[in-house]
Amino acid sequence: MSIRSTILAGSLMALGLGLTAAPASAQGISIGPGGVQVDPGYRRGYDDRGPPRSELSRGEAARIARREGLVDVDGVDRRGPRMIVRGSDRRGDDLTVVIDSRSGDVLDVRR
């Protein structure tokens, strides 16, 4: 066997191994009372409880901010697509939590 054919065979084998180890797509399945459901994985904000909600309430925004360390809530304001929750942490330091009002994702925590 010549050097060229050895290199070619090695390259083809590496290419074949690389193709078989391709990552899977981010799909998920859930089994529940309604049977088996496939989640295609491309709907942001989707979970097993149903479609994404339209917007957060002030109380929901405060609960999300408390999970980020806010203890005393001074105010919750809506600024376009964001909710701004201001207050203090357990040490009394000022804390501001910025939340996406559609998905509930925490965008920023400012101390």
PDB file of N, CA and C in Angstrom:
ATOM      1  N   MET A   1       0.850  -1.163   0.000  1.00  0.00           N
ATOM      2  CA  MET A   1       0.000   0.000   0.000  1.00  0.00           C
ATOM      3  C   MET A   1       0.901   1.233   0.000  1.00  0.00           C
ATOM      4  N   SER A   2       0.600   2.199  -0.866  1.00  0.00           N
ATOM      5  CA  SER A   2       1.439   3.391  -0.972  1.00  0.00           C
ATOM      6  C   SER A   2       1.049   4.404   0.099  1.00  0.00           C
ATOM      7  N   ILE A   3       1.906   5.417   0.255  1.00  0.00           N
ATOM      8  CA  ILE A   3       1.656   6.462   1.249  1.00  0.00           C
ATOM      9  C   ILE A   3       0.392   7.234   0.898  1.00  0.00           C
ATOM     10  N   ARG A   4       0.172   7.510  -0.392  1.00  0.00           N
ATOM     11  CA  ARG A   4      -1.033   8.249  -0.807  1.00  0.00           C
ATOM     12  C   ARG A   4      -2.302   7.484  -0.448  1.00  0.00           C
ATOM     13  N   SER A   5      -2.327   6.211  -0.725  1.00  0.00           N
ATOM     14  CA  SER A   5      -3.535   5.440  -0.428  1.00  0.00           C
ATOM     15  C   SER A   5      -3.742   5.308   1.077  1.00  0.00           C
ATOM     16  N   THR A   6      -2.649   5.258   1.854  1.00  0.00           N
ATOM     17  CA  THR A   6      -2.771   5.201   3.305  1.00  0.00           C
ATOM     18  C   THR A   6      -3.354   6.506   3.850  1.00  0.00           C
ATOM     19  N   ILE A   7      -2.850   7.638   3.338  1.00  0.00           N
ATOM     20  CA  ILE A   7      -3.366   8.941   3.769  1.00  0.00           C
ATOM     21  C   ILE A   7      -4.827   9.094   3.354  1.00  0.00           C
ATOM     22  N   LEU A   8      -5.155   8.692   2.126  1.00  0.00           N
ATOM     23  CA  LEU A   8      -6.534   8.773   1.638  1.00  0.00           C
ATOM     24  C   LEU A   8      -7.466   7.907   2.477  1.00  0.00           C
ATOM     25  N   ALA A   9      -7.036   6.684   2.795  1.00  0.00           N
ATOM     26  CA  ALA A   9      -7.873   5.795   3.601  1.00  0.00           C
ATOM     27  C   ALA A   9      -8.071   6.361   5.001  1.00  0.00           C
ATOM     28  N   GLY A  10      -7.016   6.911   5.589  1.00  0.00           N
ATOM     29  CA  GLY A  10      -7.123   7.519   6.914  1.00  0.00           C
ATOM     30  C   GLY A  10      -8.041   8.728   6.911  1.00  0.00           C
ATOM     31  N   SER A  11      -7.948   9.546   5.849  1.00  0.00           N
ATOM     32  CA  SER A  11      -8.809  10.727   5.735  1.00  0.00           C
ATOM     33  C   SER A  11     -10.270  10.326   5.598  1.00  0.00           C
ATOM     34  N   LEU A  12     -10.538   9.318   4.783  1.00  0.00           N
ATOM     35  CA  LEU A  12     -11.920   8.861   4.605  1.00  0.00           C
ATOM     36  C   LEU A  12     -12.479   8.275   5.896  1.00  0.00           C
ATOM     37  N   MET A  13     -11.645   7.550   6.633  1.00  0.00           N
ATOM     38  CA  MET A  13     -12.108   6.974   7.889  1.00  0.00           C
ATOM     39  C   MET A  13     -12.392   8.085   8.910  1.00  0.00           C
ATOM     40  N   ALA A  14     -11.524   9.100   8.985  1.00  0.00           N
ATOM     41  CA  ALA A  14     -11.754  10.219   9.899  1.00  0.00           C
ATOM     42  C   ALA A  14     -13.009  10.988   9.512  1.00  0.00           C
ATOM     43  N   LEU A  15     -13.233  11.167   8.226  1.00  0.00           N
ATOM     44  CA  LEU A  15     -14.435  11.853   7.762  1.00  0.00           C
ATOM     45  C   LEU A  15     -15.680  11.057   8.139  1.00  0.00           C
ATOM     46  N   GLY A  16     -15.624   9.757   7.968  1.00  0.00           N
ATOM     47  CA  GLY A  16     -16.759   8.909   8.333  1.00  0.00           C
ATOM     48  C   GLY A  16     -17.043   8.945   9.820  1.00  0.00           C
ATOM     49  N   LEU A  17     -15.999   8.939  10.654  1.00  0.00           N
ATOM     50  CA  LEU A  17     -16.200   9.029  12.100  1.00  0.00           C
ATOM     51  C   LEU A  17     -16.757  10.385  12.502  1.00  0.00           C
ATOM     52  N   GLY A  18     -16.314  11.426  11.832  1.00  0.00           N
ATOM     53  CA  GLY A  18     -16.815  12.762  12.133  1.00  0.00           C
ATOM     54  C   GLY A  18     -18.277  12.916  11.789  1.00  0.00           C
ATOM     55  N   LEU A  19     -18.709  12.287  10.720  1.00  0.00           N
ATOM     56  CA  LEU A  19     -20.119  12.395  10.335  1.00  0.00           C
ATOM     57  C   LEU A  19     -21.018  11.616  11.274  1.00  0.00           C
ATOM     58  N   THR A  20     -20.551  10.511  11.811  1.00  0.00           N
ATOM     59  CA  THR A  20     -21.401   9.737  12.710  1.00  0.00           C
ATOM     60  C   THR A  20     -21.492  10.363  14.094  1.00  0.00           C
ATOM     61  N   ALA A  21     -20.550  11.251  14.439  1.00  0.00           N
ATOM     62  CA  ALA A  21     -20.565  11.868  15.765  1.00  0.00           C
ATOM     63  C   ALA A  21     -21.197  13.252  15.744  1.00  0.00           C
ATOM     64  N   ALA A  22     -22.030  13.545  14.749  1.00  0.00           N
ATOM     65  CA  ALA A  22     -22.679  14.852  14.653  1.00  0.00           C
ATOM     66  C   ALA A  22     -23.630  15.032  15.830  1.00  0.00           C
ATOM     67  N   PRO A  23     -23.692  16.230  16.391  1.00  0.00           N
ATOM     68  CA  PRO A  23     -24.566  16.448  17.545  1.00  0.00           C
ATOM     69  C   PRO A  23     -26.047  16.344  17.179  1.00  0.00           C
ATOM     70  N   ALA A  24     -26.823  15.918  18.126  1.00  0.00           N
ATOM     71  CA  ALA A  24     -28.266  15.812  17.915  1.00  0.00           C
ATOM     72  C   ALA A  24     -28.906  17.189  18.028  1.00  0.00           C
ATOM     73  N   SER A  25     -30.042  17.355  17.398  1.00  0.00           N
ATOM     74  CA  SER A  25     -30.746  18.628  17.515  1.00  0.00           C
ATOM     75  C   SER A  25     -31.382  18.737  18.896  1.00  0.00           C
ATOM     76  N   ALA A  26     -31.767  19.938  19.267  1.00  0.00           N
ATOM     77  CA  ALA A  26     -32.268  20.195  20.615  1.00  0.00           C
ATOM     78  C   ALA A  26     -33.767  19.926  20.704  1.00  0.00           C
ATOM     79  N   GLN A  27     -34.174  18.739  20.375  1.00  0.00           N
ATOM     80  CA  GLN A  27     -35.575  18.379  20.501  1.00  0.00           C
ATOM     81  C   GLN A  27     -35.788  17.693  21.836  1.00  0.00           C
ATOM     82  N   GLY A  28     -37.030  17.680  22.254  1.00  0.00           N
ATOM     83  CA  GLY A  28     -37.359  16.984  23.483  1.00  0.00           C
ATOM     84  C   GLY A  28     -38.702  16.298  23.350  1.00  0.00           C
ATOM     85  N   ILE A  29     -38.931  15.307  24.185  1.00  0.00           N
ATOM     86  CA  ILE A  29     -40.231  14.655  24.213  1.00  0.00           C
ATOM     87  C   ILE A  29     -40.729  14.666  25.645  1.00  0.00           C
ATOM     88  N   SER A  30     -42.040  14.690  25.779  1.00  0.00           N
ATOM     89  CA  SER A  30     -42.633  14.594  27.106  1.00  0.00           C
ATOM     90  C   SER A  30     -43.767  13.590  27.053  1.00  0.00           C
ATOM     91  N   ILE A  31     -43.858  12.802  28.101  1.00  0.00           N
ATOM     92  CA  ILE A  31     -44.906  11.797  28.199  1.00  0.00           C
ATOM     93  C   ILE A  31     -45.814  12.220  29.337  1.00  0.00           C
ATOM     94  N   GLY A  32     -47.068  12.436  29.026  1.00  0.00           N
ATOM     95  CA  GLY A  32     -48.008  12.891  30.035  1.00  0.00           C
ATOM     96  C   GLY A  32     -49.387  12.327  29.799  1.00  0.00           C
ATOM     97  N   PRO A  33     -50.396  12.924  30.426  1.00  0.00           N
ATOM     98  CA  PRO A  33     -51.762  12.430  30.288  1.00  0.00           C
ATOM     99  C   PRO A  33     -52.266  12.478  28.850  1.00  0.00           C
ATOM    100  N   GLY A  34     -51.748  13.397  28.060  1.00  0.00           N
ATOM    101  CA  GLY A  34     -52.162  13.509  26.669  1.00  0.00           C
ATOM    102  C   GLY A  34     -51.391  12.609  25.725  1.00  0.00           C
ATOM    103  N   GLY A  35     -50.483  11.800  26.250  1.00  0.00           N
ATOM    104  CA  GLY A  35     -49.669  10.920  25.424  1.00  0.00           C
ATOM    105  C   GLY A  35     -48.277  11.485  25.236  1.00  0.00           C
ATOM    106  N   VAL A  36     -47.602  11.032  24.193  1.00  0.00           N
ATOM    107  CA  VAL A  36     -46.244  11.470  23.892  1.00  0.00           C
ATOM    108  C   VAL A  36     -46.310  12.710  23.021  1.00  0.00           C
ATOM    109  N   GLN A  37     -45.575  13.755  23.401  1.00  0.00           N
ATOM    110  CA  GLN A  37     -45.529  14.985  22.624  1.00  0.00           C
ATOM    111  C   GLN A  37     -44.081  15.307  22.305  1.00  0.00           C
ATOM    112  N   VAL A  38     -43.835  15.753  21.074  1.00  0.00           N
ATOM    113  CA  VAL A  38     -42.491  16.137  20.652  1.00  0.00           C
ATOM    114  C   VAL A  38     -42.412  17.655  20.653  1.00  0.00           C
ATOM    115  N   ASP A  39     -41.421  18.183  21.367  1.00  0.00           N
ATOM    116  CA  ASP A  39     -41.162  19.620  21.380  1.00  0.00           C
ATOM    117  C   ASP A  39     -40.034  19.875  20.397  1.00  0.00           C
ATOM    118  N   PRO A  40     -40.283  20.634  19.314  1.00  0.00           N
ATOM    119  CA  PRO A  40     -39.243  20.852  18.312  1.00  0.00           C
ATOM    120  C   PRO A  40     -38.059  21.662  18.827  1.00  0.00           C
ATOM    121  N   GLY A  41     -38.191  22.358  19.948  1.00  0.00           N
ATOM    122  CA  GLY A  41     -37.068  23.036  20.548  1.00  0.00           C
ATOM    123  C   GLY A  41     -36.778  24.419  20.009  1.00  0.00           C
ATOM    124  N   TYR A  42     -37.631  24.969  19.164  1.00  0.00           N
ATOM    125  CA  TYR A  42     -37.333  26.281  18.598  1.00  0.00           C
ATOM    126  C   TYR A  42     -38.262  27.370  19.100  1.00  0.00           C
ATOM    127  N   ARG A  43     -39.219  27.057  19.957  1.00  0.00           N
ATOM    128  CA  ARG A  43     -40.148  28.069  20.473  1.00  0.00           C
ATOM    129  C   ARG A  43     -39.621  28.598  21.786  1.00  0.00           C
ATOM    130  N   ARG A  44     -39.086  29.793  21.782  1.00  0.00           N
ATOM    131  CA  ARG A  44     -38.503  30.395  22.979  1.00  0.00           C
ATOM    132  C   ARG A  44     -39.597  30.656  24.010  1.00  0.00           C
ATOM    133  N   GLY A  45     -39.341  30.273  25.233  1.00  0.00           N
ATOM    134  CA  GLY A  45     -40.295  30.508  26.303  1.00  0.00           C
ATOM    135  C   GLY A  45     -41.315  29.394  26.471  1.00  0.00           C
ATOM    136  N   TYR A  46     -41.250  28.344  25.657  1.00  0.00           N
ATOM    137  CA  TYR A  46     -42.220  27.263  25.724  1.00  0.00           C
ATOM    138  C   TYR A  46     -41.822  26.281  26.822  1.00  0.00           C
ATOM    139  N   ASP A  47     -42.759  25.817  27.580  1.00  0.00           N
ATOM    140  CA  ASP A  47     -42.493  24.762  28.541  1.00  0.00           C
ATOM    141  C   ASP A  47     -43.664  23.792  28.538  1.00  0.00           C
ATOM    142  N   ASP A  48     -43.616  22.791  29.411  1.00  0.00           N
ATOM    143  CA  ASP A  48     -44.634  21.739  29.409  1.00  0.00           C
ATOM    144  C   ASP A  48     -46.007  22.219  29.870  1.00  0.00           C
ATOM    145  N   ARG A  49     -46.080  23.403  30.471  1.00  0.00           N
ATOM    146  CA  ARG A  49     -47.375  23.874  30.967  1.00  0.00           C
ATOM    147  C   ARG A  49     -48.194  24.569  29.903  1.00  0.00           C
ATOM    148  N   GLY A  50     -47.644  24.819  28.735  1.00  0.00           N
ATOM    149  CA  GLY A  50     -48.417  25.461  27.680  1.00  0.00           C
ATOM    150  C   GLY A  50     -47.603  26.492  26.930  1.00  0.00           C
ATOM    151  N   PRO A  51     -48.262  27.248  26.069  1.00  0.00           N
ATOM    152  CA  PRO A  51     -47.547  28.256  25.276  1.00  0.00           C
ATOM    153  C   PRO A  51     -47.061  29.406  26.147  1.00  0.00           C
ATOM    154  N   PRO A  52     -46.129  30.196  25.633  1.00  0.00           N
ATOM    155  CA  PRO A  52     -45.603  31.297  26.444  1.00  0.00           C
ATOM    156  C   PRO A  52     -46.686  32.304  26.786  1.00  0.00           C
ATOM    157  N   ARG A  53     -46.574  32.896  27.967  1.00  0.00           N
ATOM    158  CA  ARG A  53     -47.558  33.882  28.400  1.00  0.00           C
ATOM    159  C   ARG A  53     -47.318  35.196  27.671  1.00  0.00           C
ATOM    160  N   SER A  54     -48.317  36.065  27.700  1.00  0.00           N
ATOM    161  CA  SER A  54     -48.177  37.328  26.984  1.00  0.00           C
ATOM    162  C   SER A  54     -47.229  38.276  27.705  1.00  0.00           C
ATOM    163  N   GLU A  55     -47.468  38.582  28.971  1.00  0.00           N
ATOM    164  CA  GLU A  55     -46.562  39.452  29.719  1.00  0.00           C
ATOM    165  C   GLU A  55     -46.639  39.121  31.198  1.00  0.00           C
ATOM    166  N   LEU A  56     -45.558  39.431  31.900  1.00  0.00           N
ATOM    167  CA  LEU A  56     -45.505  39.201  33.346  1.00  0.00           C
ATOM    168  C   LEU A  56     -46.336  40.229  34.091  1.00  0.00           C
ATOM    169  N   SER A  57     -46.894  39.807  35.208  1.00  0.00           N
ATOM    170  CA  SER A  57     -47.531  40.763  36.105  1.00  0.00           C
ATOM    171  C   SER A  57     -46.451  41.345  37.023  1.00  0.00           C
ATOM    172  N   ARG A  58     -46.788  42.388  37.744  1.00  0.00           N
ATOM    173  CA  ARG A  58     -45.826  42.993  38.675  1.00  0.00           C
ATOM    174  C   ARG A  58     -45.451  42.009  39.789  1.00  0.00           C
ATOM    175  N   GLY A  59     -46.415  41.226  40.251  1.00  0.00           N
ATOM    176  CA  GLY A  59     -46.141  40.234  41.294  1.00  0.00           C
ATOM    177  C   GLY A  59     -45.203  39.135  40.815  1.00  0.00           C
ATOM    178  N   GLU A  60     -45.411  38.674  39.562  1.00  0.00           N
ATOM    179  CA  GLU A  60     -44.511  37.654  39.017  1.00  0.00           C
ATOM    180  C   GLU A  60     -43.097  38.200  38.861  1.00  0.00           C
ATOM    181  N   ALA A  61     -42.984  39.450  38.434  1.00  0.00           N
ATOM    182  CA  ALA A  61     -41.662  40.077  38.297  1.00  0.00           C
ATOM    183  C   ALA A  61     -40.981  40.175  39.656  1.00  0.00           C
ATOM    184  N   ALA A  62     -41.739  40.520  40.697  1.00  0.00           N
ATOM    185  CA  ALA A  62     -41.164  40.606  42.046  1.00  0.00           C
ATOM    186  C   ALA A  62     -40.693  39.243  42.526  1.00  0.00           C
ATOM    187  N   ARG A  63     -41.454  38.183  42.240  1.00  0.00           N
ATOM    188  CA  ARG A  63     -41.046  36.827  42.635  1.00  0.00           C
ATOM    189  C   ARG A  63     -39.758  36.413  41.932  1.00  0.00           C
ATOM    190  N   ILE A  64     -39.641  36.729  40.650  1.00  0.00           N
ATOM    191  CA  ILE A  64     -38.413  36.406  39.906  1.00  0.00           C
ATOM    192  C   ILE A  64     -37.234  37.171  40.492  1.00  0.00           C
ATOM    193  N   ALA A  65     -37.440  38.444  40.829  1.00  0.00           N
ATOM    194  CA  ALA A  65     -36.371  39.264  41.408  1.00  0.00           C
ATOM    195  C   ALA A  65     -35.948  38.720  42.775  1.00  0.00           C
ATOM    196  N   ARG A  66     -36.877  38.195  43.546  1.00  0.00           N
ATOM    197  CA  ARG A  66     -36.529  37.624  44.858  1.00  0.00           C
ATOM    198  C   ARG A  66     -35.620  36.408  44.699  1.00  0.00           C
ATOM    199  N   ARG A  67     -35.812  35.655  43.631  1.00  0.00           N
ATOM    200  CA  ARG A  67     -34.918  34.518  43.381  1.00  0.00           C
ATOM    201  C   ARG A  67     -33.494  34.979  43.067  1.00  0.00           C
ATOM    202  N   GLU A  68     -33.342  36.236  42.662  1.00  0.00           N
ATOM    203  CA  GLU A  68     -32.021  36.796  42.360  1.00  0.00           C
ATOM    204  C   GLU A  68     -31.390  37.480  43.572  1.00  0.00           C
ATOM    205  N   GLY A  69     -32.058  37.451  44.732  1.00  0.00           N
ATOM    206  CA  GLY A  69     -31.485  37.989  45.949  1.00  0.00           C
ATOM    207  C   GLY A  69     -32.164  39.231  46.500  1.00  0.00           C
ATOM    208  N   LEU A  70     -33.195  39.718  45.830  1.00  0.00           N
ATOM    209  CA  LEU A  70     -33.927  40.888  46.314  1.00  0.00           C
ATOM    210  C   LEU A  70     -34.792  40.472  47.503  1.00  0.00           C
ATOM    211  N   VAL A  71     -34.727  41.224  48.602  1.00  0.00           N
ATOM    212  CA  VAL A  71     -35.516  40.899  49.788  1.00  0.00           C
ATOM    213  C   VAL A  71     -36.675  41.879  49.929  1.00  0.00           C
ATOM    214  N   ASP A  72     -36.368  43.173  49.955  1.00  0.00           N
ATOM    215  CA  ASP A  72     -37.396  44.206  50.083  1.00  0.00           C
ATOM    216  C   ASP A  72     -37.607  44.868  48.725  1.00  0.00           C
ATOM    217  N   VAL A  73     -38.833  44.779  48.202  1.00  0.00           N
ATOM    218  CA  VAL A  73     -39.156  45.371  46.902  1.00  0.00           C
ATOM    219  C   VAL A  73     -39.649  46.793  47.126  1.00  0.00           C
ATOM    220  N   ASP A  74     -38.970  47.759  46.498  1.00  0.00           N
ATOM    221  CA  ASP A  74     -39.387  49.160  46.584  1.00  0.00           C
ATOM    222  C   ASP A  74     -40.306  49.555  45.439  1.00  0.00           C
ATOM    223  N   GLY A  75     -40.144  48.930  44.291  1.00  0.00           N
ATOM    224  CA  GLY A  75     -40.991  49.278  43.153  1.00  0.00           C
ATOM    225  C   GLY A  75     -40.761  48.385  41.958  1.00  0.00           C
ATOM    226  N   VAL A  76     -41.821  48.257  41.146  1.00  0.00           N
ATOM    227  CA  VAL A  76     -41.750  47.487  39.903  1.00  0.00           C
ATOM    228  C   VAL A  76     -42.269  48.389  38.797  1.00  0.00           C
ATOM    229  N   ASP A  77     -41.431  48.639  37.793  1.00  0.00           N
ATOM    230  CA  ASP A  77     -41.810  49.498  36.675  1.00  0.00           C
ATOM    231  C   ASP A  77     -41.685  48.732  35.370  1.00  0.00           C
ATOM    232  N   ARG A  78     -42.589  49.055  34.445  1.00  0.00           N
ATOM    233  CA  ARG A  78     -42.507  48.473  33.100  1.00  0.00           C
ATOM    234  C   ARG A  78     -41.878  49.517  32.187  1.00  0.00           C
ATOM    235  N   ARG A  79     -40.821  49.129  31.468  1.00  0.00           N
ATOM    236  CA  ARG A  79     -40.159  50.006  30.511  1.00  0.00           C
ATOM    237  C   ARG A  79     -40.090  49.268  29.184  1.00  0.00           C
ATOM    238  N   GLY A  80     -41.091  49.470  28.361  1.00  0.00           N
ATOM    239  CA  GLY A  80     -41.149  48.764  27.079  1.00  0.00           C
ATOM    240  C   GLY A  80     -41.261  47.270  27.295  1.00  0.00           C
ATOM    241  N   PRO A  81     -40.352  46.499  26.710  1.00  0.00           N
ATOM    242  CA  PRO A  81     -40.425  45.036  26.861  1.00  0.00           C
ATOM    243  C   PRO A  81     -39.742  44.526  28.126  1.00  0.00           C
ATOM    244  N   ARG A  82     -39.388  45.445  29.043  1.00  0.00           N
ATOM    245  CA  ARG A  82     -38.666  45.036  30.247  1.00  0.00           C
ATOM    246  C   ARG A  82     -39.402  45.452  31.514  1.00  0.00           C
ATOM    247  N   MET A  83     -39.191  44.682  32.564  1.00  0.00           N
ATOM    248  CA  MET A  83     -39.681  45.020  33.893  1.00  0.00           C
ATOM    249  C   MET A  83     -38.449  45.346  34.732  1.00  0.00           C
ATOM    250  N   ILE A  84     -38.495  46.478  35.440  1.00  0.00           N
ATOM    251  CA  ILE A  84     -37.405  46.908  36.302  1.00  0.00           C
ATOM    252  C   ILE A  84     -37.896  46.773  37.741  1.00  0.00           C
ATOM    253  N   VAL A  85     -37.235  45.927  38.529  1.00  0.00           N
ATOM    254  CA  VAL A  85     -37.613  45.721  39.925  1.00  0.00           C
ATOM    255  C   VAL A  85     -36.486  46.295  40.784  1.00  0.00           C
ATOM    256  N   ARG A  86     -36.849  47.258  41.635  1.00  0.00           N
ATOM    257  CA  ARG A  86     -35.870  47.916  42.504  1.00  0.00           C
ATOM    258  C   ARG A  86     -36.156  47.550  43.958  1.00  0.00           C
ATOM    259  N   GLY A  87     -35.081  47.443  44.729  1.00  0.00           N
ATOM    260  CA  GLY A  87     -35.231  47.128  46.143  1.00  0.00           C
ATOM    261  C   GLY A  87     -33.876  46.963  46.783  1.00  0.00           C
ATOM    262  N   SER A  88     -33.826  46.135  47.831  1.00  0.00           N
ATOM    263  CA  SER A  88     -32.562  45.907  48.530  1.00  0.00           C
ATOM    264  C   SER A  88     -32.391  44.430  48.838  1.00  0.00           C
ATOM    265  N   ASP A  89     -31.126  44.034  49.015  1.00  0.00           N
ATOM    266  CA  ASP A  89     -30.842  42.647  49.353  1.00  0.00           C
ATOM    267  C   ASP A  89     -30.836  42.480  50.876  1.00  0.00           C
ATOM    268  N   ARG A  90     -30.432  41.325  51.374  1.00  0.00           N
ATOM    269  CA  ARG A  90     -30.510  41.031  52.811  1.00  0.00           C
ATOM    270  C   ARG A  90     -29.566  41.885  53.638  1.00  0.00           C
ATOM    271  N   ARG A  91     -28.531  42.460  53.016  1.00  0.00           N
ATOM    272  CA  ARG A  91     -27.600  43.336  53.733  1.00  0.00           C
ATOM    273  C   ARG A  91     -28.031  44.798  53.697  1.00  0.00           C
ATOM    274  N   GLY A  92     -29.122  45.088  52.951  1.00  0.00           N
ATOM    275  CA  GLY A  92     -29.599  46.455  52.833  1.00  0.00           C
ATOM    276  C   GLY A  92     -29.032  47.207  51.647  1.00  0.00           C
ATOM    277  N   ASP A  93     -28.202  46.555  50.829  1.00  0.00           N
ATOM    278  CA  ASP A  93     -27.635  47.191  49.644  1.00  0.00           C
ATOM    279  C   ASP A  93     -28.692  47.283  48.540  1.00  0.00           C
ATOM    280  N   ASP A  94     -28.653  48.399  47.790  1.00  0.00           N
ATOM    281  CA  ASP A  94     -29.600  48.580  46.683  1.00  0.00           C
ATOM    282  C   ASP A  94     -29.363  47.533  45.609  1.00  0.00           C
ATOM    283  N   LEU A  95     -30.458  47.062  45.020  1.00  0.00           N
ATOM    284  CA  LEU A  95     -30.400  46.027  43.993  1.00  0.00           C
ATOM    285  C   LEU A  95     -31.470  46.324  42.955  1.00  0.00           C
ATOM    286  N   THR A  96     -31.105  46.234  41.684  1.00  0.00           N
ATOM    287  CA  THR A  96     -32.043  46.417  40.585  1.00  0.00           C
ATOM    288  C   THR A  96     -31.982  45.181  39.698  1.00  0.00           C
ATOM    289  N   VAL A  97     -33.135  44.582  39.408  1.00  0.00           N
ATOM    290  CA  VAL A  97     -33.212  43.400  38.566  1.00  0.00           C
ATOM    291  C   VAL A  97     -34.012  43.768  37.313  1.00  0.00           C
ATOM    292  N   VAL A  98     -33.435  43.511  36.140  1.00  0.00           N
ATOM    293  CA  VAL A  98     -34.093  43.790  34.869  1.00  0.00           C
ATOM    294  C   VAL A  98     -34.545  42.459  34.284  1.00  0.00           C
ATOM    295  N   ILE A  99     -35.843  42.377  33.963  1.00  0.00           N
ATOM    296  CA  ILE A  99     -36.466  41.124  33.527  1.00  0.00           C
ATOM    297  C   ILE A  99     -37.168  41.343  32.196  1.00  0.00           C
ATOM    298  N   ASP A 100     -37.048  40.383  31.285  1.00  0.00           N
ATOM    299  CA  ASP A 100     -37.801  40.413  30.033  1.00  0.00           C
ATOM    300  C   ASP A 100     -39.264  40.149  30.367  1.00  0.00           C
ATOM    301  N   SER A 101     -40.154  41.063  29.990  1.00  0.00           N
ATOM    302  CA  SER A 101     -41.555  40.957  30.409  1.00  0.00           C
ATOM    303  C   SER A 101     -42.328  39.878  29.662  1.00  0.00           C
ATOM    304  N   ARG A 102     -41.790  39.343  28.578  1.00  0.00           N
ATOM    305  CA  ARG A 102     -42.496  38.278  27.857  1.00  0.00           C
ATOM    306  C   ARG A 102     -42.052  36.895  28.304  1.00  0.00           C
ATOM    307  N   SER A 103     -40.729  36.690  28.407  1.00  0.00           N
ATOM    308  CA  SER A 103     -40.237  35.348  28.719  1.00  0.00           C
ATOM    309  C   SER A 103     -39.970  35.132  30.205  1.00  0.00           C
ATOM    310  N   GLY A 104     -39.770  36.222  30.960  1.00  0.00           N
ATOM    311  CA  GLY A 104     -39.419  36.089  32.367  1.00  0.00           C
ATOM    312  C   GLY A 104     -37.942  35.877  32.596  1.00  0.00           C
ATOM    313  N   ASP A 105     -37.123  35.972  31.545  1.00  0.00           N
ATOM    314  CA  ASP A 105     -35.677  35.815  31.681  1.00  0.00           C
ATOM    315  C   ASP A 105     -35.082  37.017  32.397  1.00  0.00           C
ATOM    316  N   VAL A 106     -34.130  36.766  33.284  1.00  0.00           N
ATOM    317  CA  VAL A 106     -33.419  37.846  33.969  1.00  0.00           C
ATOM    318  C   VAL A 106     -32.337  38.351  33.014  1.00  0.00           C
ATOM    319  N   LEU A 107     -32.422  39.628  32.661  1.00  0.00           N
ATOM    320  CA  LEU A 107     -31.483  40.231  31.710  1.00  0.00           C
ATOM    321  C   LEU A 107     -30.277  40.842  32.404  1.00  0.00           C
ATOM    322  N   ASP A 108     -30.480  41.412  33.599  1.00  0.00           N
ATOM    323  CA  ASP A 108     -29.384  42.079  34.294  1.00  0.00           C
ATOM    324  C   ASP A 108     -29.696  42.197  35.776  1.00  0.00           C
ATOM    325  N   VAL A 109     -28.664  42.114  36.598  1.00  0.00           N
ATOM    326  CA  VAL A 109     -28.772  42.348  38.032  1.00  0.00           C
ATOM    327  C   VAL A 109     -27.727  43.384  38.371  1.00  0.00           C
ATOM    328  N   ARG A 110     -28.184  44.543  38.855  1.00  0.00           N
ATOM    329  CA  ARG A 110     -27.271  45.650  39.175  1.00  0.00           C
ATOM    330  C   ARG A 110     -27.234  45.854  40.671  1.00  0.00           C
ATOM    331  N   ARG A 111     -26.042  45.869  41.229  1.00  0.00           N
ATOM    332  CA  ARG A 111     -25.853  46.075  42.677  1.00  0.00           C
ATOM    333  C   ARG A 111     -25.335  47.458  42.920  1.00  0.00           C
TER     334      ARG A 111
END
